[in-house]
Amino acid sequence: MPISQRRGEGMVFMDEEAMELYRAVRHGQPMLHDGRWGMATAEVQWAILESARRREEIAFSQ
């Protein structure tokens, strides 16, 4: 089942992540973007919002 999307429509920036999920489910290939990656991404997004609210730098946890 090919996954395609015409350029300029929808969330084009997620093409690679969608294909990665497809390959993992369909072909058993390991995923680079796992739960740890998702949590790190969420932490960065939270820090950006919190930094804007406080108008100061936000330190990250290890």
N, C-alpha and C. Protein backbone atom coordinates (compact mmCIF):
# COMPACT_ATOMS: atom_id res chain seq x y z
N MET A 1 0.84 -1.17 0.00
CA MET A 1 0.00 0.00 0.00
C MET A 1 0.89 1.23 0.00
N PRO A 2 1.07 1.87 -1.12
CA PRO A 2 1.90 3.07 -1.17
C PRO A 2 1.23 4.23 -0.43
N ILE A 3 2.04 5.02 0.21
CA ILE A 3 1.56 6.23 0.88
C ILE A 3 2.11 7.41 0.09
N SER A 4 1.24 8.28 -0.36
CA SER A 4 1.70 9.44 -1.11
C SER A 4 0.86 10.66 -0.75
N GLN A 5 1.43 11.81 -1.01
CA GLN A 5 0.75 13.07 -0.76
C GLN A 5 1.34 14.08 -1.71
N ARG A 6 0.49 14.79 -2.39
CA ARG A 6 0.99 15.81 -3.31
C ARG A 6 1.62 16.95 -2.51
N ARG A 7 2.71 17.45 -3.02
CA ARG A 7 3.40 18.56 -2.35
C ARG A 7 2.48 19.76 -2.25
N GLY A 8 2.58 20.44 -1.10
CA GLY A 8 1.77 21.62 -0.89
C GLY A 8 0.43 21.34 -0.24
N GLU A 9 0.14 20.07 0.02
CA GLU A 9 -1.13 19.73 0.66
C GLU A 9 -0.87 19.10 2.02
N GLY A 10 -1.59 19.55 3.01
CA GLY A 10 -1.52 18.93 4.33
C GLY A 10 -0.19 19.12 5.02
N MET A 11 0.17 18.12 5.81
CA MET A 11 1.35 18.18 6.66
C MET A 11 2.51 17.48 5.96
N VAL A 12 3.05 18.11 4.95
CA VAL A 12 4.10 17.52 4.12
C VAL A 12 5.33 17.18 4.95
N PHE A 13 5.62 17.98 5.96
CA PHE A 13 6.82 17.76 6.76
C PHE A 13 6.79 16.43 7.51
N MET A 14 5.65 15.76 7.55
CA MET A 14 5.56 14.48 8.25
C MET A 14 5.67 13.29 7.31
N ASP A 15 5.96 13.50 6.04
CA ASP A 15 6.06 12.41 5.07
C ASP A 15 7.03 11.32 5.54
N GLU A 16 8.21 11.71 5.95
CA GLU A 16 9.22 10.72 6.34
C GLU A 16 8.79 9.94 7.58
N GLU A 17 8.19 10.61 8.56
CA GLU A 17 7.74 9.92 9.76
C GLU A 17 6.63 8.93 9.44
N ALA A 18 5.72 9.31 8.54
CA ALA A 18 4.64 8.40 8.14
C ALA A 18 5.21 7.18 7.42
N MET A 19 6.18 7.39 6.56
CA MET A 19 6.80 6.26 5.85
C MET A 19 7.59 5.38 6.81
N GLU A 20 8.21 5.98 7.80
CA GLU A 20 8.95 5.21 8.81
C GLU A 20 7.99 4.29 9.57
N LEU A 21 6.84 4.82 9.97
CA LEU A 21 5.83 4.02 10.65
C LEU A 21 5.33 2.90 9.74
N TYR A 22 5.05 3.21 8.50
CA TYR A 22 4.60 2.21 7.53
C TYR A 22 5.62 1.09 7.40
N ARG A 23 6.90 1.44 7.23
CA ARG A 23 7.95 0.42 7.06
C ARG A 23 8.09 -0.43 8.32
N ALA A 24 7.91 0.17 9.49
CA ALA A 24 8.00 -0.59 10.74
C ALA A 24 6.86 -1.59 10.85
N VAL A 25 5.64 -1.15 10.55
CA VAL A 25 4.47 -2.02 10.65
C VAL A 25 4.47 -3.07 9.55
N ARG A 26 4.72 -2.65 8.34
CA ARG A 26 4.61 -3.55 7.18
C ARG A 26 5.81 -4.47 7.02
N HIS A 27 7.01 -3.94 7.28
CA HIS A 27 8.23 -4.69 6.98
C HIS A 27 9.07 -5.02 8.21
N GLY A 28 8.62 -4.59 9.40
CA GLY A 28 9.35 -4.91 10.62
C GLY A 28 10.65 -4.14 10.81
N GLN A 29 10.82 -3.04 10.09
CA GLN A 29 12.04 -2.25 10.24
C GLN A 29 11.98 -1.45 11.54
N PRO A 30 13.10 -1.35 12.26
CA PRO A 30 13.09 -0.57 13.51
C PRO A 30 12.86 0.91 13.24
N MET A 31 12.21 1.57 14.20
CA MET A 31 11.91 2.99 14.06
C MET A 31 12.98 3.83 14.74
N LEU A 32 13.39 4.90 14.09
CA LEU A 32 14.30 5.87 14.68
C LEU A 32 13.53 6.75 15.66
N HIS A 33 12.33 7.15 15.30
CA HIS A 33 11.51 8.05 16.12
C HIS A 33 10.64 7.21 17.06
N ASP A 34 11.15 6.94 18.26
CA ASP A 34 10.45 6.12 19.23
C ASP A 34 9.86 6.99 20.34
N GLY A 35 9.40 6.36 21.39
CA GLY A 35 8.80 7.10 22.50
C GLY A 35 9.76 8.07 23.17
N ARG A 36 11.02 7.66 23.30
CA ARG A 36 12.03 8.54 23.90
C ARG A 36 12.21 9.80 23.04
N TRP A 37 12.26 9.61 21.72
CA TRP A 37 12.38 10.74 20.80
C TRP A 37 11.17 11.66 20.94
N GLY A 38 9.98 11.07 21.02
CA GLY A 38 8.76 11.86 21.16
C GLY A 38 8.74 12.68 22.45
N MET A 39 9.18 12.07 23.55
CA MET A 39 9.22 12.79 24.81
C MET A 39 10.24 13.92 24.78
N ALA A 40 11.38 13.70 24.15
CA ALA A 40 12.39 14.75 24.03
C ALA A 40 11.86 15.91 23.19
N THR A 41 11.14 15.58 22.12
CA THR A 41 10.54 16.61 21.28
C THR A 41 9.51 17.42 22.07
N ALA A 42 8.69 16.73 22.86
CA ALA A 42 7.69 17.42 23.68
C ALA A 42 8.36 18.33 24.71
N GLU A 43 9.49 17.88 25.28
CA GLU A 43 10.21 18.69 26.25
C GLU A 43 10.74 19.97 25.61
N VAL A 44 11.25 19.87 24.40
CA VAL A 44 11.74 21.06 23.69
C VAL A 44 10.59 22.02 23.42
N GLN A 45 9.46 21.49 22.98
CA GLN A 45 8.31 22.35 22.70
C GLN A 45 7.84 23.05 23.98
N TRP A 46 7.78 22.31 25.08
CA TRP A 46 7.37 22.91 26.35
C TRP A 46 8.35 24.00 26.75
N ALA A 47 9.65 23.74 26.60
CA ALA A 47 10.67 24.72 26.99
C ALA A 47 10.56 26.00 26.17
N ILE A 48 10.26 25.87 24.89
CA ILE A 48 10.09 27.05 24.04
C ILE A 48 8.93 27.90 24.55
N LEU A 49 7.81 27.26 24.83
CA LEU A 49 6.64 27.99 25.33
C LEU A 49 6.90 28.61 26.70
N GLU A 50 7.52 27.83 27.58
CA GLU A 50 7.81 28.33 28.93
C GLU A 50 8.83 29.46 28.90
N SER A 51 9.82 29.36 28.03
CA SER A 51 10.81 30.42 27.88
C SER A 51 10.16 31.72 27.41
N ALA A 52 9.24 31.60 26.47
CA ALA A 52 8.54 32.79 25.99
C ALA A 52 7.69 33.40 27.10
N ARG A 53 7.04 32.54 27.89
CA ARG A 53 6.19 33.05 28.97
C ARG A 53 7.01 33.75 30.05
N ARG A 54 8.13 33.15 30.44
CA ARG A 54 8.97 33.70 31.51
C ARG A 54 9.96 34.75 31.02
N ARG A 55 10.23 34.74 29.71
CA ARG A 55 11.24 35.60 29.12
C ARG A 55 12.63 35.32 29.70
N GLU A 56 12.94 34.03 29.81
CA GLU A 56 14.25 33.59 30.27
C GLU A 56 14.55 32.21 29.70
N GLU A 57 15.83 31.80 29.79
CA GLU A 57 16.22 30.49 29.30
C GLU A 57 15.68 29.40 30.22
N ILE A 58 15.38 28.27 29.64
CA ILE A 58 14.89 27.11 30.39
C ILE A 58 15.94 26.01 30.29
N ALA A 59 16.34 25.45 31.43
CA ALA A 59 17.32 24.35 31.44
C ALA A 59 16.62 23.03 31.18
N PHE A 60 17.30 22.14 30.47
CA PHE A 60 16.76 20.82 30.17
C PHE A 60 17.25 19.81 31.18
N SER A 61 16.44 18.79 31.43
CA SER A 61 16.87 17.68 32.29
C SER A 61 17.76 16.75 31.47
N GLN A 62 18.51 15.93 32.15
CA GLN A 62 19.40 14.98 31.45
C GLN A 62 18.68 13.72 31.17
